[in-house]
Protein backbone atom coordinates (compact mmCIF):
# COMPACT_ATOMS: atom_id res chain seq x y z
CA UNK A 1 51.78 261.60 -74.25
CA UNK A 2 53.56 258.44 -75.37
CA UNK A 3 56.38 258.64 -72.80
CA UNK A 4 58.31 261.17 -70.71
CA UNK A 5 60.50 263.39 -72.86
CA UNK A 6 63.74 265.08 -71.92
CA UNK A 7 64.32 268.83 -72.05
CA UNK A 8 66.81 269.75 -74.80
CA UNK A 9 70.02 271.61 -73.99
CA UNK A 10 68.92 275.07 -75.17
CA UNK A 11 72.36 276.56 -75.99
CA UNK A 12 73.24 273.41 -77.95
CA UNK A 13 69.89 273.45 -79.78
CA UNK A 14 70.30 277.16 -80.51
CA UNK A 15 73.77 276.61 -81.94
CA UNK A 16 72.59 273.64 -83.97
CA UNK A 17 69.69 275.52 -85.56
CA UNK A 18 71.99 278.40 -86.49
CA UNK A 19 74.60 276.08 -88.03
CA UNK A 20 72.04 274.06 -89.99
CA UNK A 21 70.61 277.25 -91.45
CA UNK A 22 74.06 278.62 -92.23
CA UNK A 23 75.11 275.37 -93.93
CA UNK A 24 71.93 275.31 -96.00
CA UNK A 25 72.40 278.94 -97.08
CA UNK A 26 76.10 278.42 -97.79
CA UNK A 27 75.37 275.42 -100.03
CA UNK A 28 72.84 277.47 -102.01
CA UNK A 29 75.34 280.31 -102.41
CA UNK A 30 78.26 278.02 -103.30
CA UNK A 31 80.24 278.94 -100.16
CA UNK A 32 82.66 276.16 -99.27
CA UNK A 33 83.90 277.22 -95.84
CA UNK A 34 82.30 278.19 -92.52
CA UNK A 35 83.49 281.14 -90.42
CA UNK A 36 85.79 280.52 -87.45
CA UNK A 37 84.50 278.96 -84.22
CA UNK A 38 84.71 282.36 -82.55
CA UNK A 39 82.58 284.00 -85.26
CA UNK A 40 80.07 281.12 -85.21
CA UNK A 41 79.73 281.39 -81.44
CA UNK A 42 78.96 285.12 -81.75
CA UNK A 43 76.42 284.49 -84.52
CA UNK A 44 74.63 281.86 -82.43
CA UNK A 45 74.96 283.70 -79.13
CA UNK A 46 76.52 280.68 -77.42
CA UNK A 47 79.97 279.69 -76.15
CA UNK A 48 82.78 278.32 -78.32
CA UNK A 49 82.57 275.07 -76.35
CA UNK A 50 78.95 274.62 -77.46
CA UNK A 51 79.78 275.46 -81.08
CA UNK A 52 82.69 273.02 -81.01
CA UNK A 53 80.36 270.26 -79.79
CA UNK A 54 77.79 270.99 -82.51
CA UNK A 55 80.51 271.05 -85.17
CA UNK A 56 81.74 267.67 -83.93
CA UNK A 57 78.26 266.18 -84.30
CA UNK A 58 77.76 267.58 -87.80
CA UNK A 59 81.25 266.44 -88.81
CA UNK A 60 80.53 262.91 -87.55
CA UNK A 61 77.45 262.87 -89.79
CA UNK A 62 79.46 263.93 -92.84
CA UNK A 63 78.17 267.47 -93.29
CA UNK A 64 81.51 269.09 -92.46
CA UNK A 65 85.25 268.40 -92.51
CA UNK A 66 87.56 270.27 -90.18
CA UNK A 67 91.18 270.68 -91.30
CA UNK A 68 93.90 272.16 -89.16
CA UNK A 69 95.10 275.33 -90.86
CA UNK A 70 92.24 275.35 -93.39
CA UNK A 71 89.17 275.71 -91.20
CA UNK A 72 85.78 274.02 -91.45
CA UNK A 73 84.79 272.96 -94.95
CA UNK A 74 81.21 272.18 -96.03
CA UNK A 75 80.74 268.82 -97.74
CA UNK A 76 78.19 270.08 -100.27
CA UNK A 77 77.61 266.69 -101.99
CA UNK A 78 76.70 265.16 -98.61
CA UNK A 79 74.51 268.09 -97.57
CA UNK A 80 72.57 268.14 -100.84
CA UNK A 81 71.94 264.39 -100.54
CA UNK A 82 70.32 264.81 -97.12
CA UNK A 83 66.61 265.66 -97.04
CA UNK A 84 66.98 267.08 -93.54
CA UNK A 85 69.39 269.81 -94.68
CA UNK A 86 68.15 271.51 -97.81
CA UNK A 87 65.12 269.73 -99.17
CA UNK A 88 62.89 271.62 -96.76
CA UNK A 89 62.72 275.17 -98.00
CA UNK A 90 61.79 277.73 -95.37
CA UNK A 91 58.36 279.30 -95.77
CA UNK A 92 59.75 282.40 -94.06
CA UNK A 93 62.50 282.62 -96.70
CA UNK A 94 59.86 282.19 -99.39
CA UNK A 95 58.04 285.30 -98.19
CA UNK A 96 61.25 287.27 -97.68
CA UNK A 97 62.31 286.51 -101.26
CA UNK A 98 59.10 288.18 -102.42
CA UNK A 99 59.75 291.26 -100.32
CA UNK A 100 57.14 290.32 -97.70
CA UNK A 101 57.49 290.34 -93.93
CA UNK A 102 57.11 286.70 -92.78
CA UNK A 103 55.27 285.54 -89.67
CA UNK A 104 53.97 282.26 -88.24
CA UNK A 105 50.66 281.66 -86.45
CA UNK A 106 50.45 278.50 -84.34
CA UNK A 107 46.91 277.16 -84.57
CA UNK A 108 47.28 273.98 -82.55
CA UNK A 109 49.79 271.48 -81.20
CA UNK A 110 48.56 268.43 -79.34
CA UNK A 111 48.85 264.69 -78.92
CA UNK A 112 46.11 262.71 -80.66
CA UNK A 113 45.12 259.12 -81.34
CA UNK A 114 45.47 257.74 -84.89
CA UNK A 115 41.66 257.77 -85.16
CA UNK A 116 41.62 261.55 -84.66
CA UNK A 117 44.20 262.20 -87.39
CA UNK A 118 43.12 263.23 -90.89
CA UNK A 119 45.17 260.61 -92.72
CA UNK A 120 44.70 258.73 -95.99
CA UNK A 121 43.24 255.25 -95.65
CA UNK A 122 46.05 252.77 -95.02
CA UNK A 123 48.67 255.35 -94.00
CA UNK A 124 51.31 253.39 -92.08
CA UNK A 125 51.81 256.11 -89.46
CA UNK A 126 48.14 255.79 -88.52
CA UNK A 127 48.18 252.05 -87.95
CA UNK A 128 48.12 250.65 -84.43
CA UNK A 129 47.60 252.56 -81.20
CA UNK A 130 50.68 254.78 -81.15
CA UNK A 131 49.80 258.41 -80.44
CA UNK A 132 50.80 261.16 -82.87
CA UNK A 133 51.89 264.74 -82.37
CA UNK A 134 49.83 267.08 -84.53
CA UNK A 135 51.29 270.49 -85.40
CA UNK A 136 49.08 272.96 -87.28
CA UNK A 137 50.34 276.37 -88.42
CA UNK A 138 49.53 279.23 -90.78
CA UNK A 139 52.35 281.18 -92.44
CA UNK A 140 51.74 284.83 -93.25
CA UNK A 141 53.28 287.36 -95.63
CA UNK A 142 52.78 291.01 -94.68
CA UNK A 143 50.15 289.87 -92.19
CA UNK A 144 48.11 287.95 -94.79
CA UNK A 145 47.65 284.15 -94.32
CA UNK A 146 49.03 282.39 -97.40
CA UNK A 147 50.13 278.88 -96.37
CA UNK A 148 48.36 276.39 -94.11
CA UNK A 149 50.37 273.44 -92.78
CA UNK A 150 49.34 270.42 -90.73
CA UNK A 151 51.87 267.73 -89.82
CA UNK A 152 51.62 264.45 -87.91
CA UNK A 153 54.77 263.18 -86.18
CA UNK A 154 55.23 259.59 -85.01
CA UNK A 155 55.03 259.83 -81.22
CA UNK A 156 57.76 257.29 -80.44
CA UNK A 157 60.22 259.34 -82.50
CA UNK A 158 59.95 262.37 -80.19
CA UNK A 159 62.85 262.32 -77.73
CA UNK A 160 62.84 265.89 -76.40
CA UNK A 161 60.09 268.15 -75.09
CA UNK A 162 59.48 270.49 -78.03
CA UNK A 163 57.41 272.89 -75.89
CA UNK A 164 60.50 273.76 -73.85
CA UNK A 165 61.80 275.56 -76.97
CA UNK A 166 59.86 278.83 -76.90
CA UNK A 167 60.07 279.45 -80.65
CA UNK A 168 59.31 275.88 -81.79
CA UNK A 169 56.47 277.11 -84.03
CA UNK A 170 58.98 279.03 -86.16
CA UNK A 171 61.15 275.99 -86.92
CA UNK A 172 61.10 274.29 -90.30
CA UNK A 173 60.18 270.59 -90.28
CA UNK A 174 63.83 269.65 -90.74
CA UNK A 175 64.90 271.76 -87.79
CA UNK A 176 62.10 270.30 -85.66
CA UNK A 177 63.21 266.77 -86.55
CA UNK A 178 66.87 267.57 -85.87
CA UNK A 179 66.19 269.11 -82.46
CA UNK A 180 63.55 266.87 -80.97
CA UNK A 181 63.46 263.52 -82.78
CA UNK A 182 65.49 260.32 -82.59
CA UNK A 183 65.34 259.11 -86.20
CA UNK A 184 65.88 261.30 -89.24
CA UNK A 185 64.30 260.93 -92.71
CA UNK A 186 66.26 259.27 -95.47
CA UNK A 187 63.55 259.44 -98.16
CA UNK A 188 60.80 261.99 -98.80
CA UNK A 189 57.85 261.56 -101.14
CA UNK A 190 55.84 264.61 -102.19
CA UNK A 191 52.73 264.97 -104.31
CA UNK A 192 51.12 268.18 -105.59
CA UNK A 193 47.48 268.61 -106.54
CA UNK A 194 44.95 271.45 -106.82
CA UNK A 195 42.09 271.50 -104.33
CA UNK A 196 39.39 273.97 -103.38
CA UNK A 197 39.15 275.31 -99.82
CA UNK A 198 36.37 273.93 -97.66
CA UNK A 199 34.75 276.12 -95.02
CA UNK A 200 37.25 275.26 -92.24
CA UNK A 201 40.34 275.79 -94.39
CA UNK A 202 38.90 278.96 -95.96
CA UNK A 203 38.42 280.40 -92.47
CA UNK A 204 42.03 279.67 -91.46
CA UNK A 205 43.45 281.18 -94.66
CA UNK A 206 40.89 284.01 -94.71
CA UNK A 207 39.77 283.26 -98.26
CA UNK A 208 36.38 282.49 -99.78
CA UNK A 209 35.10 278.95 -99.58
CA UNK A 210 35.80 277.18 -102.88
CA UNK A 211 39.03 279.14 -103.55
CA UNK A 212 41.50 276.99 -105.56
CA UNK A 213 44.67 276.13 -103.59
CA UNK A 214 47.84 274.26 -104.39
CA UNK A 215 48.03 271.22 -102.09
CA UNK A 216 51.34 269.52 -101.28
CA UNK A 217 51.39 266.19 -99.42
CA UNK A 218 54.70 265.21 -97.84
CA UNK A 219 55.64 261.79 -96.40
CA UNK A 220 59.04 261.22 -94.80
CA UNK A 221 60.52 257.79 -94.20
CA UNK A 222 63.31 256.66 -91.93
CA UNK A 223 65.53 253.61 -92.27
CA UNK A 224 63.47 250.51 -93.01
CA UNK A 225 60.73 252.56 -94.72
CA UNK A 226 59.27 253.59 -91.35
CA UNK A 227 56.94 256.57 -91.72
CA UNK A 228 58.23 259.33 -89.45
CA UNK A 229 55.77 262.04 -90.43
CA UNK A 230 53.01 263.00 -92.82
CA UNK A 231 52.22 266.58 -93.66
CA UNK A 232 49.91 268.59 -95.90
CA UNK A 233 50.40 272.22 -96.91
CA UNK A 234 47.98 274.45 -98.82
CA UNK A 235 49.28 277.47 -100.77
CA UNK A 236 47.26 280.50 -101.81
CA UNK A 237 47.78 281.84 -105.34
CA UNK A 238 49.49 285.00 -104.06
CA UNK A 239 52.55 282.99 -103.03
CA UNK A 240 52.74 281.16 -106.39
CA UNK A 241 54.56 280.21 -108.53
CA UNK A 242 56.87 278.01 -106.46
CA UNK A 243 60.19 276.66 -107.61
CA UNK A 244 60.93 273.54 -105.59
CA UNK A 245 64.09 271.46 -105.71
CA UNK A 246 63.72 267.96 -104.31
CA UNK A 247 66.91 266.02 -103.77
CA UNK A 248 67.27 262.40 -102.81
């Protein structure tokens, strides 16, 4: 491990995940206002003090505006300009929208050297000796593997011990970054290609070797064009077509 990491405040993290998801959903639905602090606390299963602290953080970052007598308003233009809020669609939501029961299977999470990572030649995140966190998962619909995801996080950007959060494997990349990382992405580059499954990938997705898959490569940059993570996801045809909205 690159350095000792702190344990996150679980009630705060729980409230933050709930609020981020609620804001994202509200923006998609055109809802301009959040429920009261009391209602939010009940939804998150935490105290009003915790919710108030999370609201203060999100307000300081421009996502929300709190007005006395009017409640908490969502700053949709700010939220839609932030990759960490609504650029990252939830794979679980993708399955649910198709009437499938979503599930996540954690294949592996471990610290590795840059030499061990499967990265393109010249990838900035793989330069030097800094260790990377590798997170590999399969997402299932109705028990059938349909999406394979492997992500490499810059080790020095991890501030909190992600393993202390028992459901970390179910988090979206944005939620993982928000909860455990120091720097947040300001720019995301994505590229889509079609690739056939090799033996290892075919085994993980339970498809025949040579099956065509949609491949999506995702690179996220922080301030100063610093690569914070690189990820690759493979999609089986049963989950296609996809309608993706990428916002700056």
